[in-house]
Structure formats: C-alpha cells, structure tokens
Amino acid sequence: MNKSLMLIASLGLLAPALTTTPVHAQERHHRVVCEDVQVKHKGSKDDHRLIGTGVGAVAGGLLGHRVGGGKGKTLATVGGAVAGGYVGNRVQKKAQDKKTYYTTERRCHDVYD
C-alpha cells in the first residue's frame, strides 16, 4: 500500500477519536434536591398599614384640635395627628399579626453534577 494512502487512511481512523469527547466527560449526574421551606401567609395586603395610620392620624388630629386653644390649637392638632397615626399603625399591625400564619412547603429542584 502506498505511504500517502496509508497516512490518509490512518488519519481517517484517528479523526473520530480526535473530535469526540471522552466517555467519562460526557456523563452528567442528575439528582433532585428537596427541602422543607416555611412560607408566611399575610393577613392583609396593606404592608405599610396605611389605613390604620391614616384613620389614627385623622382621629388624633380632630381630638387634638378640640383640646387645644389659641396658638396651642395648631400644635395640639399636629401632635394629635402624629400620635394618632402612630397608635393607628400599631393597632393595625397587631390585628394583621393575628391573621398571619405559616405553612411548610416541600420545594424540589434539579441538580446536575
């Protein structure tokens, strides 16, 4: 057989070995990893408690306006609104916390090694 023909034939036989990846490198291990996760379910969608704060501020402002007199009336109104807003916010938070509950959910995902 001709040397150049032998060289071409041997290259033809080597070409697949040069272009393929070794078998161990092609293997990917797949596994599923699961974990239990605590999920919080809120009693309300008003996270900032705007309703409680607003109602408390209006009620506090009205009460402060009635209590104050002269130039102190403005200060009493503002102070009552601030205090009422804070109290309203806390009251709504307490009510929401009573309605909040937790569940445990099993969540799984694929992992490839």
Protein backbone atom coordinates (compact mmCIF):
# COMPACT_ATOMS: atom_id res chain seq x y z
CA MET A 1 0.00 0.00 0.00
CA ASN A 2 1.19 3.48 -0.81
CA LYS A 3 2.60 5.51 2.13
CA SER A 4 0.45 8.55 1.41
CA LEU A 5 -2.61 6.34 1.09
CA MET A 6 -1.76 4.72 4.43
CA LEU A 7 -1.36 8.15 6.01
CA ILE A 8 -4.75 9.28 4.72
CA ALA A 9 -6.36 6.04 5.91
CA SER A 10 -4.80 6.32 9.37
CA LEU A 11 -5.91 9.97 9.65
CA GLY A 12 -9.41 8.89 8.70
CA LEU A 13 -9.40 6.36 11.50
CA LEU A 14 -7.97 8.86 14.01
CA ALA A 15 -10.33 11.72 13.13
CA PRO A 16 -13.30 10.43 15.17
CA ALA A 17 -11.02 9.92 18.18
CA LEU A 18 -9.72 13.47 17.90
CA THR A 19 -13.17 15.07 17.61
CA THR A 20 -15.11 13.14 20.21
CA THR A 21 -15.05 13.81 23.92
CA PRO A 22 -14.01 11.01 26.23
CA VAL A 23 -16.93 9.00 27.58
CA HIS A 24 -16.35 9.95 31.23
CA ALA A 25 -16.50 13.68 30.37
CA GLN A 26 -19.90 13.31 28.69
CA GLU A 27 -21.60 11.79 31.71
CA ARG A 28 -23.65 14.20 33.81
CA HIS A 29 -25.13 13.11 37.06
CA HIS A 30 -28.63 14.29 37.78
CA ARG A 31 -30.28 14.35 41.17
CA VAL A 32 -33.24 16.04 42.75
CA VAL A 33 -32.74 18.01 45.95
CA CYS A 34 -35.75 18.74 48.14
CA GLU A 35 -36.11 20.90 51.22
CA ASP A 36 -38.89 21.99 53.53
CA VAL A 37 -39.44 25.77 53.45
CA GLN A 38 -41.56 27.86 55.81
CA VAL A 39 -43.91 30.16 53.90
CA LYS A 40 -45.54 33.19 55.54
CA HIS A 41 -49.16 33.95 54.63
CA LYS A 42 -50.09 37.51 55.50
CA GLY A 43 -53.43 38.51 56.92
CA SER A 44 -53.53 41.68 54.84
CA LYS A 45 -52.03 43.20 51.72
CA ASP A 46 -51.52 46.59 53.42
CA ASP A 47 -47.88 46.02 54.48
CA HIS A 48 -47.32 49.67 55.39
CA ARG A 49 -50.55 49.83 57.40
CA LEU A 50 -51.64 52.98 55.60
CA ILE A 51 -55.30 52.58 56.56
CA GLY A 52 -54.61 52.32 60.29
CA THR A 53 -52.11 55.17 60.16
CA GLY A 54 -54.48 57.42 58.19
CA VAL A 55 -57.54 56.76 60.34
CA GLY A 56 -55.49 57.21 63.53
CA ALA A 57 -53.97 60.47 62.26
CA VAL A 58 -57.37 61.95 61.37
CA ALA A 59 -58.91 60.89 64.69
CA GLY A 60 -55.88 62.17 66.64
CA GLY A 61 -55.87 65.46 64.74
CA LEU A 62 -59.58 66.02 65.40
CA LEU A 63 -59.16 65.22 69.07
CA GLY A 64 -56.10 67.48 69.37
CA HIS A 65 -57.96 70.30 67.63
CA ARG A 66 -60.76 70.09 70.18
CA VAL A 67 -58.40 70.03 73.13
CA GLY A 68 -56.06 72.86 72.18
CA GLY A 69 -56.82 76.55 72.42
CA GLY A 70 -55.35 79.71 70.84
CA LYS A 71 -51.92 79.21 69.23
CA GLY A 72 -51.63 75.88 71.02
CA LYS A 73 -54.56 74.59 68.93
CA THR A 74 -52.31 74.11 65.88
CA LEU A 75 -49.66 72.37 67.93
CA ALA A 76 -52.28 70.17 69.60
CA THR A 77 -53.78 69.30 66.20
CA VAL A 78 -50.40 68.34 64.72
CA GLY A 79 -49.34 66.46 67.85
CA GLY A 80 -52.68 64.63 67.96
CA ALA A 81 -52.34 63.66 64.29
CA VAL A 82 -48.82 62.30 64.80
CA ALA A 83 -49.74 60.39 67.95
CA GLY A 84 -52.98 59.12 66.42
CA GLY A 85 -51.16 57.95 63.28
CA TYR A 86 -48.66 56.01 65.36
CA VAL A 87 -51.36 54.39 67.51
CA GLY A 88 -53.44 53.54 64.43
CA ASN A 89 -50.42 51.94 62.78
CA ARG A 90 -49.71 49.77 65.86
CA VAL A 91 -53.36 48.73 66.20
CA GLN A 92 -53.49 47.61 62.57
CA LYS A 93 -50.17 45.75 62.92
CA LYS A 94 -51.48 43.81 65.89
CA ALA A 95 -54.66 42.88 64.00
CA GLN A 96 -52.65 41.77 60.96
CA ASP A 97 -50.25 39.71 63.04
CA LYS A 98 -53.17 37.73 64.47
CA LYS A 99 -54.23 36.79 60.92
CA THR A 100 -50.73 35.83 59.75
CA TYR A 101 -49.91 32.12 59.62
CA TYR A 102 -47.12 29.89 58.34
CA THR A 103 -47.16 26.67 56.34
CA THR A 104 -44.36 24.30 55.44
CA GLU A 105 -43.97 23.53 51.75
CA ARG A 106 -41.68 20.96 50.18
CA ARG A 107 -39.73 22.51 47.29
CA CYS A 108 -37.55 20.45 44.96
CA HIS A 109 -35.10 21.37 42.18
CA ASP A 110 -32.78 19.55 39.80
CA VAL A 111 -29.04 19.49 40.36
CA TYR A 112 -26.59 18.46 37.65
CA ASP A 113 -23.06 17.45 38.63
